[in-house]
PDB file of N, CA and C in Angstrom:
ATOM      1  N   MET A   1      77.772   0.955 105.668  1.00  0.00           N
ATOM      2  CA  MET A   1      78.354   1.812 104.985  1.00  0.00           C
ATOM      3  C   MET A   1      79.595   2.358 105.601  1.00  0.00           C
ATOM      4  N   THR A   2      80.751   2.491 104.759  1.00  0.00           N
ATOM      5  CA  THR A   2      81.942   3.246 104.796  1.00  0.00           C
ATOM      6  C   THR A   2      81.935   4.558 105.292  1.00  0.00           C
ATOM      7  N   ALA A   3      82.765   5.351 106.202  1.00  0.00           N
ATOM      8  CA  ALA A   3      82.869   6.034 106.566  1.00  0.00           C
ATOM      9  C   ALA A   3      84.128   6.781 106.311  1.00  0.00           C
ATOM     10  N   TYR A   4      84.293   8.317 106.459  1.00  0.00           N
ATOM     11  CA  TYR A   4      85.732   8.781 106.431  1.00  0.00           C
ATOM     12  C   TYR A   4      85.659   9.736 107.784  1.00  0.00           C
ATOM     13  N   ALA A   5      86.776  10.337 108.148  1.00  0.00           N
ATOM     14  CA  ALA A   5      87.514  11.097 108.898  1.00  0.00           C
ATOM     15  C   ALA A   5      88.442  11.797 107.871  1.00  0.00           C
ATOM     16  N   LEU A   6      88.139  13.187 107.497  1.00  0.00           N
ATOM     17  CA  LEU A   6      88.920  14.133 106.594  1.00  0.00           C
ATOM     18  C   LEU A   6      89.096  15.174 107.178  1.00  0.00           C
ATOM     19  N   ALA A   7      90.209  15.364 107.181  1.00  0.00           N
ATOM     20  CA  ALA A   7      90.579  17.059 107.907  1.00  0.00           C
ATOM     21  C   ALA A   7      91.380  17.208 106.199  1.00  0.00           C
ATOM     22  N   GLN A   8      91.087  18.789 106.698  1.00  0.00           N
ATOM     23  CA  GLN A   8      92.159  20.093 105.840  1.00  0.00           C
ATOM     24  C   GLN A   8      93.141  20.711 106.689  1.00  0.00           C
ATOM     25  N   VAL A   9      94.024  19.991 105.978  1.00  0.00           N
ATOM     26  CA  VAL A   9      95.347  20.913 106.766  1.00  0.00           C
ATOM     27  C   VAL A   9      95.674  22.279 106.335  1.00  0.00           C
ATOM     28  N   HIS A  10      95.599  23.589 107.081  1.00  0.00           N
ATOM     29  CA  HIS A  10      95.799  24.935 106.739  1.00  0.00           C
ATOM     30  C   HIS A  10      97.333  25.103 107.592  1.00  0.00           C
ATOM     31  N   ALA A  11      97.765  24.687 108.432  1.00  0.00           N
ATOM     32  CA  ALA A  11      98.976  25.177 109.259  1.00  0.00           C
ATOM     33  C   ALA A  11      99.373  23.977 110.213  1.00  0.00           C
ATOM     34  N   VAL A  12     100.731  23.590 109.981  1.00  0.00           N
ATOM     35  CA  VAL A  12     101.438  22.425 111.564  1.00  0.00           C
ATOM     36  C   VAL A  12     102.934  23.065 111.966  1.00  0.00           C
ATOM     37  N   ASP A  13     102.536  23.107 113.202  1.00  0.00           N
ATOM     38  CA  ASP A  13     103.649  23.747 113.970  1.00  0.00           C
ATOM     39  C   ASP A  13     104.361  22.421 114.184  1.00  0.00           C
ATOM     40  N   PHE A  14     105.620  21.816 113.450  1.00  0.00           N
ATOM     41  CA  PHE A  14     105.986  20.372 113.713  1.00  0.00           C
ATOM     42  C   PHE A  14     106.914  20.684 114.845  1.00  0.00           C
ATOM     43  N   GLY A  15     106.632  19.692 115.594  1.00  0.00           N
ATOM     44  CA  GLY A  15     107.576  19.570 116.965  1.00  0.00           C
ATOM     45  C   GLY A  15     107.636  18.835 117.366  1.00  0.00           C
ATOM     46  N   PRO A  16     108.120  18.515 119.255  1.00  0.00           N
ATOM     47  CA  PRO A  16     107.653  16.880 119.662  1.00  0.00           C
ATOM     48  C   PRO A  16     106.041  16.757 120.077  1.00  0.00           C
ATOM     49  N   ASP A  17     105.609  17.493 120.188  1.00  0.00           N
ATOM     50  CA  ASP A  17     103.788  17.002 120.523  1.00  0.00           C
ATOM     51  C   ASP A  17     103.246  16.240 118.939  1.00  0.00           C
ATOM     52  N   VAL A  18     103.550  17.062 117.920  1.00  0.00           N
ATOM     53  CA  VAL A  18     103.169  16.521 116.975  1.00  0.00           C
ATOM     54  C   VAL A  18     103.806  15.080 116.030  1.00  0.00           C
ATOM     55  N   VAL A  19     105.298  15.110 116.425  1.00  0.00           N
ATOM     56  CA  VAL A  19     105.713  13.592 116.115  1.00  0.00           C
ATOM     57  C   VAL A  19     105.363  13.070 117.083  1.00  0.00           C
ATOM     58  N   GLU A  20     105.048  12.964 118.521  1.00  0.00           N
ATOM     59  CA  GLU A  20     104.477  12.009 119.565  1.00  0.00           C
ATOM     60  C   GLU A  20     103.089  11.337 118.806  1.00  0.00           C
ATOM     61  N   TYR A  21     102.361  12.547 118.202  1.00  0.00           N
ATOM     62  CA  TYR A  21     100.893  12.443 117.723  1.00  0.00           C
ATOM     63  C   TYR A  21     101.149  11.172 117.216  1.00  0.00           C
ATOM     64  N   LEU A  22     102.097  11.658 115.831  1.00  0.00           N
ATOM     65  CA  LEU A  22     102.046  10.609 114.867  1.00  0.00           C
ATOM     66  C   LEU A  22     102.379   9.144 114.947  1.00  0.00           C
ATOM     67  N   ARG A  23     103.483   8.734 115.891  1.00  0.00           N
ATOM     68  CA  ARG A  23     103.576   7.654 116.346  1.00  0.00           C
ATOM     69  C   ARG A  23     102.872   6.857 116.897  1.00  0.00           C
ATOM     70  N   ARG A  24     101.676   7.703 117.559  1.00  0.00           N
ATOM     71  CA  ARG A  24     100.568   6.979 118.452  1.00  0.00           C
ATOM     72  C   ARG A  24      99.182   6.831 118.001  1.00  0.00           C
ATOM     73  N   ILE A  25      98.785   7.999 116.877  1.00  0.00           N
ATOM     74  CA  ILE A  25      97.505   7.740 116.228  1.00  0.00           C
ATOM     75  C   ILE A  25      96.999   6.608 115.302  1.00  0.00           C
ATOM     76  N   ASP A  26      98.050   5.791 114.735  1.00  0.00           N
ATOM     77  CA  ASP A  26      97.851   4.364 114.292  1.00  0.00           C
ATOM     78  C   ASP A  26      97.065   3.186 115.568  1.00  0.00           C
ATOM     79  N   ALA A  27      97.807   3.159 116.951  1.00  0.00           N
ATOM     80  CA  ALA A  27      96.985   2.181 117.548  1.00  0.00           C
ATOM     81  C   ALA A  27      96.182   2.657 117.932  1.00  0.00           C
ATOM     82  N   THR A  28      95.479   4.407 117.774  1.00  0.00           N
ATOM     83  CA  THR A  28      94.009   4.230 117.797  1.00  0.00           C
ATOM     84  C   THR A  28      93.065   3.612 116.670  1.00  0.00           C
ATOM     85  N   LEU A  29      93.365   3.571 115.906  1.00  0.00           N
ATOM     86  CA  LEU A  29      92.640   3.338 114.697  1.00  0.00           C
ATOM     87  C   LEU A  29      92.678   1.835 114.298  1.00  0.00           C
ATOM     88  N   ASP A  30      93.246   1.318 114.963  1.00  0.00           N
ATOM     89  CA  ASP A  30      93.199  -0.601 114.854  1.00  0.00           C
ATOM     90  C   ASP A  30      92.058  -0.756 115.333  1.00  0.00           C
ATOM     91  N   ALA A  31      91.810  -1.084 116.747  1.00  0.00           N
ATOM     92  CA  ALA A  31      90.362  -1.121 117.184  1.00  0.00           C
ATOM     93  C   ALA A  31      88.753  -0.892 116.369  1.00  0.00           C
ATOM     94  N   PHE A  32      89.126   0.306 115.639  1.00  0.00           N
ATOM     95  CA  PHE A  32      87.700   0.755 114.704  1.00  0.00           C
ATOM     96  C   PHE A  32      88.143   0.300 113.353  1.00  0.00           C
ATOM     97  N   GLY A  33      88.406  -0.438 112.954  1.00  0.00           N
ATOM     98  CA  GLY A  33      89.018  -0.689 111.581  1.00  0.00           C
ATOM     99  C   GLY A  33      89.595   0.778 110.675  1.00  0.00           C
ATOM    100  N   GLY A  34      89.958   1.426 111.696  1.00  0.00           N
ATOM    101  CA  GLY A  34      90.076   2.661 110.512  1.00  0.00           C
ATOM    102  C   GLY A  34      91.497   2.523 109.688  1.00  0.00           C
ATOM    103  N   ARG A  35      91.853   2.686 108.581  1.00  0.00           N
ATOM    104  CA  ARG A  35      93.113   2.958 107.868  1.00  0.00           C
ATOM    105  C   ARG A  35      93.389   4.143 107.219  1.00  0.00           C
ATOM    106  N   PHE A  36      94.545   4.851 106.786  1.00  0.00           N
ATOM    107  CA  PHE A  36      94.623   5.899 106.338  1.00  0.00           C
ATOM    108  C   PHE A  36      94.523   5.987 104.621  1.00  0.00           C
ATOM    109  N   LEU A  37      94.066   6.907 103.919  1.00  0.00           N
ATOM    110  CA  LEU A  37      93.752   6.575 102.109  1.00  0.00           C
ATOM    111  C   LEU A  37      94.809   7.732 101.605  1.00  0.00           C
ATOM    112  N   VAL A  38      94.403   8.913 102.355  1.00  0.00           N
ATOM    113  CA  VAL A  38      95.647   9.858 102.209  1.00  0.00           C
ATOM    114  C   VAL A  38      96.423  10.349 103.615  1.00  0.00           C
ATOM    115  N   HIS A  39      97.287  11.142 103.259  1.00  0.00           N
ATOM    116  CA  HIS A  39      98.048  11.381 104.298  1.00  0.00           C
ATOM    117  C   HIS A  39      99.108  12.248 103.875  1.00  0.00           C
ATOM    118  N   GLY A  40      98.477  13.266 103.577  1.00  0.00           N
ATOM    119  CA  GLY A  40      99.868  14.641 102.589  1.00  0.00           C
ATOM    120  C   GLY A  40     100.039  14.096 101.299  1.00  0.00           C
ATOM    121  N   GLY A  41     101.172  14.003 100.867  1.00  0.00           N
ATOM    122  CA  GLY A  41     101.257  13.909  99.845  1.00  0.00           C
ATOM    123  C   GLY A  41     100.951  14.862  98.507  1.00  0.00           C
ATOM    124  N   ALA A  42     101.382  14.788  97.460  1.00  0.00           N
ATOM    125  CA  ALA A  42     100.904  15.659  96.499  1.00  0.00           C
ATOM    126  C   ALA A  42      99.557  15.796  96.412  1.00  0.00           C
ATOM    127  N   PHE A  43      99.302  17.249  96.037  1.00  0.00           N
ATOM    128  CA  PHE A  43      98.068  17.143  95.510  1.00  0.00           C
ATOM    129  C   PHE A  43      97.509  18.746  94.714  1.00  0.00           C
ATOM    130  N   GLU A  44      96.620  18.840  94.216  1.00  0.00           N
ATOM    131  CA  GLU A  44      96.309  19.926  93.081  1.00  0.00           C
ATOM    132  C   GLU A  44      94.977  20.571  93.518  1.00  0.00           C
ATOM    133  N   THR A  45      94.943  21.430  93.734  1.00  0.00           N
ATOM    134  CA  THR A  45      93.884  22.308  94.033  1.00  0.00           C
ATOM    135  C   THR A  45      93.139  22.612  92.574  1.00  0.00           C
ATOM    136  N   LEU A  46      91.828  22.154  92.272  1.00  0.00           N
ATOM    137  CA  LEU A  46      90.968  22.142  90.857  1.00  0.00           C
ATOM    138  C   LEU A  46      90.185  23.390  90.945  1.00  0.00           C
ATOM    139  N   GLU A  47      90.186  23.796  91.854  1.00  0.00           N
ATOM    140  CA  GLU A  47      88.386  24.872  91.635  1.00  0.00           C
ATOM    141  C   GLU A  47      88.715  24.556  93.332  1.00  0.00           C
ATOM    142  N   GLY A  48      88.275  26.117  93.454  1.00  0.00           N
ATOM    143  CA  GLY A  48      87.899  26.816  95.102  1.00  0.00           C
ATOM    144  C   GLY A  48      89.452  27.128  95.878  1.00  0.00           C
ATOM    145  N   SER A  49      89.389  27.113  96.941  1.00  0.00           N
ATOM    146  CA  SER A  49      90.717  27.055  98.022  1.00  0.00           C
ATOM    147  C   SER A  49      90.791  25.787  98.913  1.00  0.00           C
ATOM    148  N   TRP A  50      91.503  25.556  99.157  1.00  0.00           N
ATOM    149  CA  TRP A  50      92.026  24.256 100.350  1.00  0.00           C
ATOM    150  C   TRP A  50      93.668  24.738 100.818  1.00  0.00           C
ATOM    151  N   GLY A  51      93.490  23.880 101.745  1.00  0.00           N
ATOM    152  CA  GLY A  51      94.683  24.321 103.063  1.00  0.00           C
ATOM    153  C   GLY A  51      95.840  23.969 102.421  1.00  0.00           C
ATOM    154  N   GLU A  52      97.274  24.686 102.687  1.00  0.00           N
ATOM    155  CA  GLU A  52      98.170  24.396 101.983  1.00  0.00           C
ATOM    156  C   GLU A  52      98.639  23.069 101.988  1.00  0.00           C
ATOM    157  N   LEU A  53      98.420  22.654 103.162  1.00  0.00           N
ATOM    158  CA  LEU A  53      99.052  21.290 103.666  1.00  0.00           C
ATOM    159  C   LEU A  53      98.342  20.333 102.873  1.00  0.00           C
ATOM    160  N   GLY A  54      97.107  20.039 102.364  1.00  0.00           N
ATOM    161  CA  GLY A  54      96.639  19.307 101.874  1.00  0.00           C
ATOM    162  C   GLY A  54      95.500  18.774 102.754  1.00  0.00           C
ATOM    163  N   LEU A  55      95.341  17.136 102.712  1.00  0.00           N
ATOM    164  CA  LEU A  55      94.497  16.809 103.419  1.00  0.00           C
ATOM    165  C   LEU A  55      94.842  15.280 103.953  1.00  0.00           C
ATOM    166  N   ILE A  56      94.011  15.087 104.927  1.00  0.00           N
ATOM    167  CA  ILE A  56      94.508  13.719 105.246  1.00  0.00           C
ATOM    168  C   ILE A  56      92.626  13.238 105.471  1.00  0.00           C
ATOM    169  N   LEU A  57      92.756  11.916 104.726  1.00  0.00           N
ATOM    170  CA  LEU A  57      91.677  11.063 104.640  1.00  0.00           C
ATOM    171  C   LEU A  57      91.571   9.827 104.864  1.00  0.00           C
ATOM    172  N   ILE A  58      90.918   9.450 106.244  1.00  0.00           N
ATOM    173  CA  ILE A  58      91.435   7.691 107.039  1.00  0.00           C
ATOM    174  C   ILE A  58      89.523   7.573 106.666  1.00  0.00           C
ATOM    175  N   GLU A  59      89.734   5.972 106.109  1.00  0.00           N
ATOM    176  CA  GLU A  59      88.434   5.338 106.340  1.00  0.00           C
ATOM    177  C   GLU A  59      88.041   4.184 107.316  1.00  0.00           C
ATOM    178  N   PHE A  60      86.900   4.330 107.509  1.00  0.00           N
ATOM    179  CA  PHE A  60      86.260   3.183 108.513  1.00  0.00           C
ATOM    180  C   PHE A  60      85.029   2.128 107.860  1.00  0.00           C
ATOM    181  N   PRO A  61      85.113   1.456 108.562  1.00  0.00           N
ATOM    182  CA  PRO A  61      83.941   0.603 107.880  1.00  0.00           C
ATOM    183  C   PRO A  61      82.747   0.966 107.848  1.00  0.00           C
ATOM    184  N   ASP A  62      82.263   1.580 109.108  1.00  0.00           N
ATOM    185  CA  ASP A  62      81.035   1.893 108.769  1.00  0.00           C
ATOM    186  C   ASP A  62      81.445   3.821 109.773  1.00  0.00           C
ATOM    187  N   TYR A  63      80.159   4.619 109.900  1.00  0.00           N
ATOM    188  CA  TYR A  63      79.976   6.033 110.482  1.00  0.00           C
ATOM    189  C   TYR A  63      79.695   6.030 112.509  1.00  0.00           C
ATOM    190  N   ARG A  64      79.651   4.625 113.054  1.00  0.00           N
ATOM    191  CA  ARG A  64      80.000   4.411 114.031  1.00  0.00           C
ATOM    192  C   ARG A  64      81.126   3.960 114.168  1.00  0.00           C
ATOM    193  N   GLN A  65      81.511   3.626 113.846  1.00  0.00           N
ATOM    194  CA  GLN A  65      82.971   3.013 114.123  1.00  0.00           C
ATOM    195  C   GLN A  65      84.286   4.280 113.875  1.00  0.00           C
ATOM    196  N   ALA A  66      83.802   5.375 112.875  1.00  0.00           N
ATOM    197  CA  ALA A  66      84.223   6.328 112.871  1.00  0.00           C
ATOM    198  C   ALA A  66      84.333   7.691 114.086  1.00  0.00           C
ATOM    199  N   ARG A  67      83.027   7.564 114.400  1.00  0.00           N
ATOM    200  CA  ARG A  67      82.133   7.946 115.922  1.00  0.00           C
ATOM    201  C   ARG A  67      83.470   7.575 117.013  1.00  0.00           C
ATOM    202  N   ALA A  68      83.011   6.112 117.358  1.00  0.00           N
ATOM    203  CA  ALA A  68      83.547   5.612 118.142  1.00  0.00           C
ATOM    204  C   ALA A  68      85.142   5.942 118.392  1.00  0.00           C
ATOM    205  N   TRP A  69      85.680   5.780 117.261  1.00  0.00           N
ATOM    206  CA  TRP A  69      87.450   5.802 117.355  1.00  0.00           C
ATOM    207  C   TRP A  69      87.582   7.856 117.629  1.00  0.00           C
ATOM    208  N   HIS A  70      86.640   8.495 116.594  1.00  0.00           N
ATOM    209  CA  HIS A  70      86.998   9.903 117.636  1.00  0.00           C
ATOM    210  C   HIS A  70      86.763  10.418 119.308  1.00  0.00           C
ATOM    211  N   ASP A  71      85.921   9.381 119.386  1.00  0.00           N
ATOM    212  CA  ASP A  71      85.368   9.672 121.199  1.00  0.00           C
ATOM    213  C   ASP A  71      86.044   8.679 121.664  1.00  0.00           C
ATOM    214  N   SER A  72      86.775   7.585 121.026  1.00  0.00           N
ATOM    215  CA  SER A  72      87.727   6.606 122.035  1.00  0.00           C
ATOM    216  C   SER A  72      88.719   7.667 123.238  1.00  0.00           C
ATOM    217  N   PRO A  73      88.905   6.765 124.588  1.00  0.00           N
ATOM    218  CA  PRO A  73      89.735   7.065 125.172  1.00  0.00           C
ATOM    219  C   PRO A  73      91.404   7.024 124.560  1.00  0.00           C
ATOM    220  N   ALA A  74      91.425   6.154 123.779  1.00  0.00           N
ATOM    221  CA  ALA A  74      93.005   6.568 123.389  1.00  0.00           C
ATOM    222  C   ALA A  74      93.486   7.750 122.539  1.00  0.00           C
ATOM    223  N   TYR A  75      91.805   7.918 121.278  1.00  0.00           N
ATOM    224  CA  TYR A  75      91.969   8.994 120.693  1.00  0.00           C
ATOM    225  C   TYR A  75      91.977  10.038 121.342  1.00  0.00           C
ATOM    226  N   ARG A  76      91.183  10.080 122.252  1.00  0.00           N
ATOM    227  CA  ARG A  76      90.962  11.748 122.931  1.00  0.00           C
ATOM    228  C   ARG A  76      92.662  11.805 123.710  1.00  0.00           C
ATOM    229  N   ASP A  77      93.243  11.216 124.152  1.00  0.00           N
ATOM    230  CA  ASP A  77      94.262  11.052 125.548  1.00  0.00           C
ATOM    231  C   ASP A  77      95.761  11.757 123.850  1.00  0.00           C
ATOM    232  N   ILE A  78      95.226  11.554 122.819  1.00  0.00           N
ATOM    233  CA  ILE A  78      96.228  12.540 122.328  1.00  0.00           C
ATOM    234  C   ILE A  78      96.118  13.231 121.146  1.00  0.00           C
ATOM    235  N   VAL A  79      94.511  13.639 121.080  1.00  0.00           N
ATOM    236  CA  VAL A  79      94.258  14.569 119.895  1.00  0.00           C
ATOM    237  C   VAL A  79      94.557  16.243 120.336  1.00  0.00           C
ATOM    238  N   GLU A  80      94.854  16.591 121.756  1.00  0.00           N
ATOM    239  CA  GLU A  80      95.363  17.765 122.483  1.00  0.00           C
ATOM    240  C   GLU A  80      97.034  18.033 121.820  1.00  0.00           C
ATOM    241  N   LEU A  81      98.146  17.142 121.566  1.00  0.00           N
ATOM    242  CA  LEU A  81      98.912  17.027 120.993  1.00  0.00           C
ATOM    243  C   LEU A  81      98.577  17.653 119.454  1.00  0.00           C
ATOM    244  N   ARG A  82      97.891  16.963 118.568  1.00  0.00           N
ATOM    245  CA  ARG A  82      97.638  17.672 117.405  1.00  0.00           C
ATOM    246  C   ARG A  82      97.055  18.949 117.227  1.00  0.00           C
ATOM    247  N   THR A  83      95.874  19.197 118.635  1.00  0.00           N
ATOM    248  CA  THR A  83      95.116  20.490 117.911  1.00  0.00           C
ATOM    249  C   THR A  83      96.055  21.845 118.592  1.00  0.00           C
ATOM    250  N   ARG A  84      96.783  21.533 119.482  1.00  0.00           N
ATOM    251  CA  ARG A  84      97.494  22.216 119.843  1.00  0.00           C
ATOM    252  C   ARG A  84      98.494  23.417 119.206  1.00  0.00           C
ATOM    253  N   HIS A  85      98.908  22.438 118.116  1.00  0.00           N
ATOM    254  CA  HIS A  85      99.978  22.704 116.658  1.00  0.00           C
ATOM    255  C   HIS A  85      99.871  22.537 115.465  1.00  0.00           C
ATOM    256  N   MET A  86      98.018  22.751 115.017  1.00  0.00           N
ATOM    257  CA  MET A  86      97.814  21.893 113.712  1.00  0.00           C
ATOM    258  C   MET A  86      96.487  23.072 113.434  1.00  0.00           C
ATOM    259  N   THR A  87      95.843  24.225 112.370  1.00  0.00           N
ATOM    260  CA  THR A  87      94.850  24.441 112.288  1.00  0.00           C
ATOM    261  C   THR A  87      94.546  23.479 111.513  1.00  0.00           C
ATOM    262  N   ALA A  88      93.525  23.181 111.278  1.00  0.00           N
ATOM    263  CA  ALA A  88      92.663  22.265 110.627  1.00  0.00           C
ATOM    264  C   ALA A  88      91.426  22.361 110.721  1.00  0.00           C
ATOM    265  N   ASP A  89      90.337  21.805 109.488  1.00  0.00           N
ATOM    266  CA  ASP A  89      88.701  21.408 109.627  1.00  0.00           C
ATOM    267  C   ASP A  89      89.112  19.868 109.579  1.00  0.00           C
ATOM    268  N   VAL A  90      88.026  19.981 110.271  1.00  0.00           N
ATOM    269  CA  VAL A  90      88.122  17.732 110.624  1.00  0.00           C
ATOM    270  C   VAL A  90      86.287  17.622 110.535  1.00  0.00           C
ATOM    271  N   ILE A  91      86.311  16.588 109.223  1.00  0.00           N
ATOM    272  CA  ILE A  91      84.566  16.153 109.576  1.00  0.00           C
ATOM    273  C   ILE A  91      84.796  14.540 109.707  1.00  0.00           C
ATOM    274  N   LEU A  92      83.951  14.051 110.204  1.00  0.00           N
ATOM    275  CA  LEU A  92      83.513  12.532 109.841  1.00  0.00           C
ATOM    276  C   LEU A  92      82.175  13.011 108.964  1.00  0.00           C
ATOM    277  N   ALA A  93      82.100  11.910 107.828  1.00  0.00           N
ATOM    278  CA  ALA A  93      81.175  11.721 106.605  1.00  0.00           C
ATOM    279  C   ALA A  93      80.993  10.419 106.205  1.00  0.00           C
ATOM    280  N   GLU A  94      79.579  10.063 105.797  1.00  0.00           N
ATOM    281  CA  GLU A  94      79.725   8.833 105.791  1.00  0.00           C
ATOM    282  C   GLU A  94      79.542   8.296 104.097  1.00  0.00           C
ATOM    283  N   GLY A  95      79.910   7.622 104.061  1.00  0.00           N
ATOM    284  CA  GLY A  95      80.158   7.052 102.441  1.00  0.00           C
ATOM    285  C   GLY A  95      78.718   6.836 101.696  1.00  0.00           C
ATOM    286  N   VAL A  96      78.742   6.374 100.536  1.00  0.00           N
ATOM    287  CA  VAL A  96      77.514   5.814  99.713  1.00  0.00           C
ATOM    288  C   VAL A  96      77.789   4.585  99.721  1.00  0.00           C
ATOM    289  N   PRO A  97      76.371   3.676  99.119  1.00  0.00           N
ATOM    290  CA  PRO A  97      76.896   2.340  98.853  1.00  0.00           C
ATOM    291  C   PRO A  97      77.553   1.739  97.377  1.00  0.00           C
ATOM    292  N   PRO A  98      77.562   0.529  97.606  1.00  0.00           N
ATOM    293  CA  PRO A  98      78.592   0.537  96.149  1.00  0.00           C
ATOM    294  C   PRO A  98      77.106   0.469  95.258  1.00  0.00           C
ATOM    295  N   GLY A  99      77.720   0.741  94.221  1.00  0.00           N
ATOM    296  CA  GLY A  99      76.432   1.584  92.662  1.00  0.00           C
ATOM    297  C   GLY A  99      75.795   2.363  93.060  1.00  0.00           C
ATOM    298  N   TYR A 100      76.366   3.083  94.037  1.00  0.00           N
ATOM    299  CA  TYR A 100      75.895   4.676  94.246  1.00  0.00           C
ATOM    300  C   TYR A 100      76.077   5.389  92.604  1.00  0.00           C
ATOM    301  N   ARG A 101      74.418   6.281  92.498  1.00  0.00           N
ATOM    302  CA  ARG A 101      75.021   7.132  91.060  1.00  0.00           C
ATOM    303  C   ARG A 101      74.239   8.349  91.830  1.00  0.00           C
ATOM    304  N   ALA A 102      75.006   9.125  91.275  1.00  0.00           N
ATOM    305  CA  ALA A 102      74.706  10.482  91.859  1.00  0.00           C
ATOM    306  C   ALA A 102      73.310  11.028  91.536  1.00  0.00           C
ATOM    307  N   GLU A 103      72.523  10.670  90.326  1.00  0.00           N
ATOM    308  CA  GLU A 103      71.257  10.509  90.125  1.00  0.00           C
ATOM    309  C   GLU A 103      70.124  10.581  90.616  1.00  0.00           C
ATOM    310  N   GLN A 104      71.011   9.671  91.598  1.00  0.00           N
ATOM    311  CA  GLN A 104      69.858   8.949  93.260  1.00  0.00           C
ATOM    312  C   GLN A 104      69.600  10.364  94.216  1.00  0.00           C
ATOM    313  N   ALA A 105      70.775  11.408  94.028  1.00  0.00           N
ATOM    314  CA  ALA A 105      70.125  12.273  95.137  1.00  0.00           C
ATOM    315  C   ALA A 105      68.935  13.319  94.740  1.00  0.00           C
ATOM    316  N   LEU A 106      68.797  13.330  93.461  1.00  0.00           N
ATOM    317  CA  LEU A 106      67.590  13.640  93.118  1.00  0.00           C
ATOM    318  C   LEU A 106      66.053  13.312  93.227  1.00  0.00           C
ATOM    319  N   LYS A 107      66.470  11.749  93.865  1.00  0.00           N
ATOM    320  CA  LYS A 107      65.134  11.279  94.386  1.00  0.00           C
ATOM    321  C   LYS A 107      64.906  10.997  95.833  1.00  0.00           C
ATOM    322  N   GLY A 108      65.914  11.752  96.746  1.00  0.00           N
ATOM    323  CA  GLY A 108      66.180  11.584  98.004  1.00  0.00           C
ATOM    324  C   GLY A 108      66.697  10.000  98.401  1.00  0.00           C
ATOM    325  N   ASP A 109      67.268   9.530  97.360  1.00  0.00           N
ATOM    326  CA  ASP A 109      68.176   8.406  97.459  1.00  0.00           C
ATOM    327  C   ASP A 109      69.425   8.032  98.299  1.00  0.00           C
ATOM    328  N   ALA A 110      69.900   9.073  98.500  1.00  0.00           N
ATOM    329  CA  ALA A 110      71.330   9.419  99.002  1.00  0.00           C
ATOM    330  C   ALA A 110      71.910   8.355  99.634  1.00  0.00           C
ATOM    331  N   ALA A 111      70.576   7.063 100.262  1.00  0.00           N
ATOM    332  CA  ALA A 111      71.372   6.244 100.750  1.00  0.00           C
ATOM    333  C   ALA A 111      71.312   4.980 100.279  1.00  0.00           C
TER     334      ALA A 111
END
């Protein structure tokens, strides 16, 4: 089942470390089938609050691949370039199967 890495971005101190991170992150995703679905861009908060700088959404083939990417030596080697200069909430989340309907959550059939 598809999985996602999602970051809600609150602040970025954009400098050389962030530039290096951006230049290197794509290569860390390739081995795990990861790809950006959303990376900044226009957004509108419809309810609640959201980080001023929007969101980042990366898709993976499954949760195992998402976790393996996050724990990989290639990503661990660059993550500090981001975390030293960006305030963000980051999660991994498993998607739902094709044809999923919200009503299934009432039956405990979320997966």
